[in-house]
């Protein structure tokens, strides 16, 4: 069988997709889509897509849900002021340390603040416990995995 550049590239693409699918299916991995919940109303607010590149996690908003009060970042400053929330990076630089991902940052569009962050997959992979910390104050959210 003769490989053409197309078939070789297609094979490589299929291999990469299988790796990503296998990684996303790992219940101990935070890679995948997560539903955020509004702490005040208890309603689902957004879907965040977490990806991993070279051992570093990044997350961005890929969808707004019924519980989202705003569609743009009105509390943001600088270049992010009034930018759409969909597509906005809100988690970055998390690196694996034991059973947690630490040393990263999380951005909260609701107040325009950036905080130190860590995350941990719990509940058999169904929940991502995300913590934001500023000085001595920390807040925790539990995001639900989206299949």
N, C-alpha and C. Protein backbone atom coordinates (compact mmCIF):
# COMPACT_ATOMS: atom_id res chain seq x y z
N UNK A 1 0.85 -1.17 0.00
CA UNK A 1 0.00 0.00 0.00
C UNK A 1 0.89 1.23 0.00
N UNK A 2 0.64 2.12 -0.93
CA UNK A 2 1.43 3.34 -1.06
C UNK A 2 0.78 4.46 -0.26
N UNK A 3 1.58 5.13 0.60
CA UNK A 3 1.07 6.26 1.37
C UNK A 3 1.26 7.55 0.60
N UNK A 4 0.20 8.30 0.50
CA UNK A 4 0.29 9.63 -0.10
C UNK A 4 0.43 10.62 1.04
N UNK A 5 0.85 11.85 0.75
CA UNK A 5 0.92 12.84 1.84
C UNK A 5 -0.41 13.00 2.55
N UNK A 6 -1.52 12.90 1.79
CA UNK A 6 -2.84 13.02 2.42
C UNK A 6 -3.09 11.88 3.39
N UNK A 7 -2.86 10.63 2.93
CA UNK A 7 -3.17 9.49 3.80
C UNK A 7 -2.25 9.47 5.01
N UNK A 8 -1.00 9.86 4.86
CA UNK A 8 -0.08 9.91 6.01
C UNK A 8 -0.55 10.97 7.00
N UNK A 9 -0.95 12.13 6.50
CA UNK A 9 -1.45 13.20 7.37
C UNK A 9 -2.74 12.81 8.05
N UNK A 10 -3.61 12.14 7.29
CA UNK A 10 -4.88 11.69 7.85
C UNK A 10 -4.64 10.69 8.98
N UNK A 11 -3.69 9.78 8.78
CA UNK A 11 -3.36 8.80 9.81
C UNK A 11 -2.83 9.47 11.07
N UNK A 12 -1.98 10.47 10.89
CA UNK A 12 -1.44 11.19 12.05
C UNK A 12 -2.56 11.93 12.79
N UNK A 13 -3.48 12.53 12.03
CA UNK A 13 -4.61 13.23 12.64
C UNK A 13 -5.48 12.26 13.43
N UNK A 14 -5.76 11.10 12.87
CA UNK A 14 -6.57 10.09 13.58
C UNK A 14 -5.87 9.65 14.86
N UNK A 15 -4.57 9.46 14.80
CA UNK A 15 -3.81 9.08 15.99
C UNK A 15 -3.90 10.14 17.07
N UNK A 16 -3.78 11.42 16.68
CA UNK A 16 -3.87 12.50 17.66
C UNK A 16 -5.28 12.55 18.27
N UNK A 17 -6.30 12.36 17.45
CA UNK A 17 -7.66 12.38 17.97
C UNK A 17 -7.90 11.25 18.96
N UNK A 18 -7.34 10.08 18.68
CA UNK A 18 -7.48 8.97 19.61
C UNK A 18 -6.79 9.27 20.93
N UNK A 19 -5.61 9.91 20.88
CA UNK A 19 -4.90 10.27 22.11
C UNK A 19 -5.73 11.26 22.91
N UNK A 20 -6.28 12.27 22.25
CA UNK A 20 -7.08 13.28 22.95
C UNK A 20 -8.32 12.62 23.53
N UNK A 21 -8.98 11.74 22.77
CA UNK A 21 -10.18 11.07 23.26
C UNK A 21 -9.86 10.20 24.47
N UNK A 22 -8.75 9.47 24.41
CA UNK A 22 -8.35 8.62 25.53
C UNK A 22 -8.06 9.46 26.77
N UNK A 23 -7.40 10.60 26.55
CA UNK A 23 -7.07 11.46 27.68
C UNK A 23 -8.34 12.06 28.28
N UNK A 24 -9.27 12.50 27.44
CA UNK A 24 -10.50 13.12 27.92
C UNK A 24 -11.36 12.09 28.66
N UNK A 25 -11.24 10.82 28.30
CA UNK A 25 -12.03 9.78 28.94
C UNK A 25 -11.46 9.38 30.30
N UNK A 26 -10.26 9.79 30.62
CA UNK A 26 -9.62 9.47 31.90
C UNK A 26 -10.34 10.22 33.02
N UNK A 27 -11.01 9.50 33.93
CA UNK A 27 -11.76 10.18 34.99
C UNK A 27 -10.88 10.97 35.96
N UNK A 28 -9.59 10.69 35.99
CA UNK A 28 -8.68 11.42 36.88
C UNK A 28 -8.12 12.68 36.23
N UNK A 29 -8.42 12.87 34.96
CA UNK A 29 -7.91 14.03 34.23
C UNK A 29 -8.94 15.16 34.20
N UNK A 30 -8.49 16.40 34.41
CA UNK A 30 -9.41 17.53 34.30
C UNK A 30 -9.68 17.94 32.85
N UNK A 31 -9.03 17.30 31.90
CA UNK A 31 -9.24 17.64 30.50
C UNK A 31 -10.66 17.28 30.10
N UNK A 32 -11.35 18.24 29.49
CA UNK A 32 -12.72 18.02 29.06
C UNK A 32 -13.57 19.26 29.29
N UNK A 33 -14.87 19.06 29.21
CA UNK A 33 -15.81 20.18 29.40
C UNK A 33 -16.43 20.09 30.79
N UNK A 34 -16.57 21.28 31.41
CA UNK A 34 -17.09 21.39 32.77
C UNK A 34 -18.17 22.46 32.84
N UNK A 35 -19.25 22.15 33.56
CA UNK A 35 -20.34 23.10 33.76
C UNK A 35 -20.07 23.87 35.06
N UNK A 36 -20.03 25.20 34.96
CA UNK A 36 -19.86 26.02 36.15
C UNK A 36 -21.25 26.35 36.70
N UNK A 37 -21.32 26.52 38.01
CA UNK A 37 -22.60 26.78 38.68
C UNK A 37 -22.50 28.13 39.39
N UNK A 38 -23.51 28.98 39.21
CA UNK A 38 -23.54 30.28 39.90
C UNK A 38 -23.71 30.03 41.39
N UNK A 39 -22.81 30.60 42.19
CA UNK A 39 -22.83 30.33 43.64
C UNK A 39 -24.06 30.92 44.33
N UNK A 40 -24.61 31.99 43.80
CA UNK A 40 -25.76 32.62 44.44
C UNK A 40 -27.08 31.96 44.04
N UNK A 41 -27.28 31.78 42.73
CA UNK A 41 -28.55 31.24 42.26
C UNK A 41 -28.57 29.72 42.21
N UNK A 42 -27.40 29.10 42.15
CA UNK A 42 -27.33 27.64 42.02
C UNK A 42 -27.59 27.16 40.61
N UNK A 43 -27.75 28.10 39.65
CA UNK A 43 -28.04 27.72 38.26
C UNK A 43 -26.75 27.54 37.47
N UNK A 44 -26.78 26.62 36.49
CA UNK A 44 -25.62 26.46 35.60
C UNK A 44 -25.35 27.77 34.87
N UNK A 45 -24.07 28.13 34.79
CA UNK A 45 -23.71 29.44 34.25
C UNK A 45 -22.98 29.35 32.91
N UNK A 46 -22.01 28.43 32.81
CA UNK A 46 -21.22 28.33 31.57
C UNK A 46 -20.62 26.95 31.44
N UNK A 47 -20.10 26.69 30.25
CA UNK A 47 -19.31 25.48 29.99
C UNK A 47 -17.89 25.95 29.73
N UNK A 48 -16.95 25.36 30.49
CA UNK A 48 -15.52 25.67 30.34
C UNK A 48 -14.83 24.44 29.76
N UNK A 49 -14.07 24.64 28.70
CA UNK A 49 -13.28 23.57 28.08
C UNK A 49 -11.87 23.63 28.65
N UNK A 50 -11.44 22.55 29.32
CA UNK A 50 -10.08 22.46 29.86
C UNK A 50 -9.24 21.63 28.89
N UNK A 51 -8.10 22.17 28.51
CA UNK A 51 -7.16 21.45 27.65
C UNK A 51 -5.81 21.38 28.36
N UNK A 52 -5.00 20.42 27.91
CA UNK A 52 -3.65 20.26 28.45
C UNK A 52 -2.65 20.32 27.32
N UNK A 53 -1.61 21.10 27.50
CA UNK A 53 -0.55 21.22 26.51
C UNK A 53 0.78 21.19 27.25
N UNK A 54 1.60 20.19 26.98
CA UNK A 54 2.91 20.03 27.63
C UNK A 54 2.80 20.05 29.15
N UNK A 55 1.78 19.38 29.70
CA UNK A 55 1.62 19.27 31.14
C UNK A 55 1.03 20.49 31.82
N UNK A 56 0.49 21.44 31.04
CA UNK A 56 -0.07 22.67 31.60
C UNK A 56 -1.53 22.77 31.16
N UNK A 57 -2.41 23.04 32.15
CA UNK A 57 -3.84 23.17 31.86
C UNK A 57 -4.22 24.61 31.55
N UNK A 58 -5.15 24.74 30.61
CA UNK A 58 -5.75 26.02 30.25
C UNK A 58 -7.25 25.78 30.10
N UNK A 59 -8.05 26.76 30.49
CA UNK A 59 -9.49 26.62 30.33
C UNK A 59 -10.11 27.89 29.77
N UNK A 60 -11.06 27.70 28.86
CA UNK A 60 -11.77 28.87 28.32
C UNK A 60 -13.26 28.58 28.27
N UNK A 61 -14.02 29.66 28.33
CA UNK A 61 -15.47 29.55 28.25
C UNK A 61 -15.84 29.23 26.80
N UNK A 62 -16.62 28.16 26.60
CA UNK A 62 -17.04 27.79 25.25
C UNK A 62 -18.54 27.96 25.05
N UNK A 63 -19.27 28.14 26.15
CA UNK A 63 -20.72 28.30 26.02
C UNK A 63 -21.27 28.98 27.28
N UNK A 64 -22.24 29.86 27.09
CA UNK A 64 -22.96 30.47 28.20
C UNK A 64 -24.31 29.78 28.33
N UNK A 65 -24.74 29.56 29.57
CA UNK A 65 -26.00 28.87 29.83
C UNK A 65 -27.03 29.85 30.40
N UNK A 66 -28.21 29.36 30.69
CA UNK A 66 -29.31 30.21 31.17
C UNK A 66 -28.95 31.04 32.40
N UNK A 67 -28.12 30.51 33.27
CA UNK A 67 -27.79 31.21 34.51
C UNK A 67 -26.79 32.35 34.35
N UNK A 68 -26.26 32.53 33.14
CA UNK A 68 -25.28 33.60 32.90
C UNK A 68 -26.00 34.94 32.84
N UNK A 69 -25.58 35.86 33.69
CA UNK A 69 -26.22 37.18 33.72
C UNK A 69 -25.69 38.11 32.64
N UNK A 70 -24.43 37.94 32.26
CA UNK A 70 -23.82 38.83 31.28
C UNK A 70 -23.22 38.03 30.15
N UNK A 71 -23.15 38.63 28.99
CA UNK A 71 -22.56 38.00 27.81
C UNK A 71 -21.17 38.58 27.50
N UNK A 72 -20.88 39.73 28.08
CA UNK A 72 -19.58 40.36 27.88
C UNK A 72 -18.95 40.65 29.24
N UNK A 73 -17.67 40.96 29.24
CA UNK A 73 -16.94 41.19 30.48
C UNK A 73 -16.98 42.68 30.84
N UNK A 74 -18.09 43.10 31.44
CA UNK A 74 -18.26 44.51 31.78
C UNK A 74 -17.35 44.94 32.94
N UNK A 75 -16.96 44.01 33.80
CA UNK A 75 -16.10 44.34 34.94
C UNK A 75 -14.61 44.26 34.60
N UNK A 76 -14.30 43.82 33.39
CA UNK A 76 -12.89 43.70 32.97
C UNK A 76 -12.29 45.07 32.73
N UNK A 77 -10.98 45.10 32.76
CA UNK A 77 -10.24 46.32 32.45
C UNK A 77 -9.35 46.07 31.25
N UNK A 78 -8.87 47.13 30.66
CA UNK A 78 -7.92 47.02 29.55
C UNK A 78 -8.51 46.37 28.32
N UNK A 79 -7.72 45.50 27.68
CA UNK A 79 -8.13 44.87 26.42
C UNK A 79 -9.35 43.96 26.55
N UNK A 80 -9.63 43.47 27.75
CA UNK A 80 -10.77 42.56 27.93
C UNK A 80 -12.09 43.27 28.19
N UNK A 81 -12.04 44.59 28.42
CA UNK A 81 -13.25 45.36 28.72
C UNK A 81 -14.30 45.15 27.64
N UNK A 82 -15.49 44.69 28.07
CA UNK A 82 -16.65 44.47 27.21
C UNK A 82 -16.44 43.43 26.10
N UNK A 83 -15.43 42.59 26.23
CA UNK A 83 -15.21 41.51 25.25
C UNK A 83 -16.17 40.37 25.55
N UNK A 84 -16.54 39.58 24.53
CA UNK A 84 -17.44 38.44 24.74
C UNK A 84 -16.83 37.43 25.72
N UNK A 85 -17.66 36.87 26.58
CA UNK A 85 -17.19 35.86 27.52
C UNK A 85 -16.89 34.54 26.81
N UNK A 86 -17.69 34.20 25.78
CA UNK A 86 -17.42 32.97 25.04
C UNK A 86 -16.09 33.14 24.31
N UNK A 87 -15.20 32.20 24.55
CA UNK A 87 -13.86 32.24 23.97
C UNK A 87 -12.81 32.81 24.92
N UNK A 88 -13.25 33.38 26.05
CA UNK A 88 -12.33 34.00 26.99
C UNK A 88 -11.61 32.94 27.83
N UNK A 89 -10.29 33.07 27.93
CA UNK A 89 -9.49 32.19 28.78
C UNK A 89 -9.67 32.62 30.23
N UNK A 90 -10.08 31.66 31.08
CA UNK A 90 -10.31 32.00 32.49
C UNK A 90 -9.43 31.19 33.45
N UNK A 91 -8.77 30.13 32.94
CA UNK A 91 -7.87 29.32 33.76
C UNK A 91 -6.60 29.09 32.95
N UNK A 92 -5.43 29.24 33.60
CA UNK A 92 -4.18 28.97 32.89
C UNK A 92 -3.05 28.63 33.86
N UNK A 93 -2.03 28.00 33.31
CA UNK A 93 -0.78 27.67 34.01
C UNK A 93 -0.90 26.67 35.16
N UNK A 94 -1.95 25.88 35.20
CA UNK A 94 -2.05 24.85 36.23
C UNK A 94 -1.16 23.67 35.85
N UNK A 95 -0.33 23.21 36.81
CA UNK A 95 0.58 22.09 36.58
C UNK A 95 0.32 21.01 37.62
N UNK A 96 0.46 19.75 37.20
CA UNK A 96 0.16 18.62 38.07
C UNK A 96 1.16 18.53 39.22
N UNK A 97 0.61 18.38 40.41
CA UNK A 97 1.41 18.19 41.62
C UNK A 97 0.66 17.19 42.49
N UNK A 98 1.10 15.94 42.48
CA UNK A 98 0.37 14.88 43.18
C UNK A 98 -0.97 14.65 42.52
N UNK A 99 -2.05 14.73 43.30
CA UNK A 99 -3.38 14.53 42.72
C UNK A 99 -4.11 15.85 42.45
N UNK A 100 -3.35 16.96 42.50
CA UNK A 100 -3.92 18.28 42.23
C UNK A 100 -3.19 18.94 41.06
N UNK A 101 -3.80 19.99 40.58
CA UNK A 101 -3.18 20.87 39.58
C UNK A 101 -3.04 22.22 40.26
N UNK A 102 -1.82 22.72 40.39
CA UNK A 102 -1.57 23.91 41.20
C UNK A 102 -0.74 24.94 40.45
N UNK A 103 -0.54 26.09 41.12
CA UNK A 103 0.35 27.12 40.60
C UNK A 103 -0.20 27.93 39.45
N UNK A 104 -1.49 27.82 39.21
CA UNK A 104 -2.08 28.53 38.09
C UNK A 104 -2.83 29.78 38.51
N UNK A 105 -3.56 30.30 37.55
CA UNK A 105 -4.38 31.50 37.75
C UNK A 105 -5.79 31.21 37.27
N UNK A 106 -6.75 31.89 37.91
CA UNK A 106 -8.13 31.83 37.46
C UNK A 106 -8.65 33.26 37.39
N UNK A 107 -9.36 33.55 36.32
CA UNK A 107 -9.92 34.87 36.10
C UNK A 107 -11.42 34.80 36.36
N UNK A 108 -11.94 35.74 37.14
CA UNK A 108 -13.36 35.78 37.43
C UNK A 108 -13.99 36.97 36.70
N UNK A 109 -14.68 36.71 35.58
CA UNK A 109 -15.30 37.80 34.83
C UNK A 109 -16.33 38.59 35.65
N UNK A 110 -16.92 37.97 36.68
CA UNK A 110 -17.94 38.65 37.48
C UNK A 110 -17.38 39.84 38.25
N UNK A 111 -16.08 39.78 38.60
CA UNK A 111 -15.49 40.91 39.31
C UNK A 111 -14.23 41.46 38.63
N UNK A 112 -13.83 40.84 37.52
CA UNK A 112 -12.66 41.31 36.78
C UNK A 112 -11.33 40.97 37.45
N UNK A 113 -11.36 40.13 38.48
CA UNK A 113 -10.15 39.81 39.23
C UNK A 113 -9.48 38.53 38.77
N UNK A 114 -8.16 38.48 38.93
CA UNK A 114 -7.37 37.29 38.65
C UNK A 114 -6.79 36.80 39.96
N UNK A 115 -6.90 35.49 40.19
CA UNK A 115 -6.54 34.90 41.48
C UNK A 115 -5.62 33.70 41.28
N UNK A 116 -4.83 33.37 42.33
CA UNK A 116 -4.07 32.13 42.32
C UNK A 116 -5.07 31.00 42.31
N UNK A 117 -4.71 29.90 41.65
CA UNK A 117 -5.69 28.84 41.49
C UNK A 117 -5.08 27.45 41.62
N UNK A 118 -5.95 26.53 42.00
CA UNK A 118 -5.61 25.11 41.97
C UNK A 118 -6.90 24.36 41.64
N UNK A 119 -6.76 23.11 41.21
CA UNK A 119 -7.92 22.30 40.85
C UNK A 119 -7.64 20.85 41.18
N UNK A 120 -8.71 20.13 41.46
CA UNK A 120 -8.58 18.72 41.79
C UNK A 120 -9.83 17.99 41.31
N UNK A 121 -9.63 16.88 40.61
CA UNK A 121 -10.74 16.06 40.16
C UNK A 121 -11.17 15.18 41.33
N UNK A 122 -12.48 15.19 41.63
CA UNK A 122 -13.01 14.40 42.75
C UNK A 122 -14.27 13.65 42.29
N UNK A 123 -14.85 12.91 43.19
CA UNK A 123 -16.13 12.23 42.94
C UNK A 123 -16.05 11.30 41.73
N UNK A 124 -14.95 10.55 41.62
CA UNK A 124 -14.80 9.59 40.52
C UNK A 124 -14.70 10.24 39.16
N UNK A 125 -14.26 11.49 39.11
CA UNK A 125 -14.09 12.19 37.84
C UNK A 125 -15.29 13.02 37.42
N UNK A 126 -16.34 13.05 38.25
CA UNK A 126 -17.55 13.78 37.90
C UNK A 126 -17.48 15.26 38.26
N UNK A 127 -16.56 15.62 39.19
CA UNK A 127 -16.51 16.97 39.71
C UNK A 127 -15.08 17.50 39.68
N UNK A 128 -14.95 18.77 39.31
CA UNK A 128 -13.66 19.46 39.37
C UNK A 128 -13.78 20.52 40.45
N UNK A 129 -13.01 20.33 41.51
CA UNK A 129 -13.00 21.29 42.61
C UNK A 129 -11.97 22.37 42.27
N UNK A 130 -12.44 23.58 42.04
CA UNK A 130 -11.60 24.69 41.61
C UNK A 130 -11.53 25.71 42.73
N UNK A 131 -10.30 26.11 43.09
CA UNK A 131 -10.11 27.07 44.17
C UNK A 131 -9.38 28.30 43.64
N UNK A 132 -9.90 29.46 43.97
CA UNK A 132 -9.24 30.73 43.70
C UNK A 132 -8.84 31.35 45.01
N UNK A 133 -7.64 31.92 45.06
CA UNK A 133 -7.16 32.47 46.33
C UNK A 133 -6.52 33.84 46.10
N UNK A 134 -6.85 34.76 47.01
CA UNK A 134 -6.23 36.08 47.02
C UNK A 134 -5.83 36.36 48.44
N UNK A 135 -4.54 36.53 48.67
CA UNK A 135 -3.97 36.71 50.00
C UNK A 135 -4.41 35.54 50.89
N UNK A 136 -5.22 35.81 51.93
CA UNK A 136 -5.65 34.76 52.85
C UNK A 136 -7.08 34.30 52.61
N UNK A 137 -7.70 34.84 51.57
CA UNK A 137 -9.09 34.50 51.27
C UNK A 137 -9.12 33.53 50.11
N UNK A 138 -9.81 32.41 50.30
CA UNK A 138 -9.96 31.47 49.18
C UNK A 138 -11.42 31.11 49.03
N UNK A 139 -11.80 30.89 47.78
CA UNK A 139 -13.17 30.47 47.45
C UNK A 139 -13.08 29.25 46.56
N UNK A 140 -14.02 28.36 46.78
CA UNK A 140 -14.02 27.10 46.06
C UNK A 140 -15.32 26.94 45.28
N UNK A 141 -15.19 26.38 44.09
CA UNK A 141 -16.37 26.04 43.29
C UNK A 141 -16.25 24.58 42.89
N UNK A 142 -17.39 23.96 42.66
CA UNK A 142 -17.40 22.60 42.15
C UNK A 142 -18.05 22.62 40.78
N UNK A 143 -17.24 22.31 39.77
CA UNK A 143 -17.72 22.25 38.39
C UNK A 143 -18.09 20.81 38.08
N UNK A 144 -19.14 20.62 37.31
CA UNK A 144 -19.63 19.30 36.96
C UNK A 144 -19.19 18.91 35.55
N UNK A 145 -18.67 17.69 35.41
CA UNK A 145 -18.21 17.23 34.09
C UNK A 145 -19.39 17.12 33.13
N UNK A 146 -19.15 17.55 31.91
CA UNK A 146 -20.14 17.44 30.83
C UNK A 146 -19.67 16.34 29.90
N UNK A 147 -20.54 15.37 29.63
CA UNK A 147 -20.16 14.25 28.75
C UNK A 147 -20.29 14.61 27.30
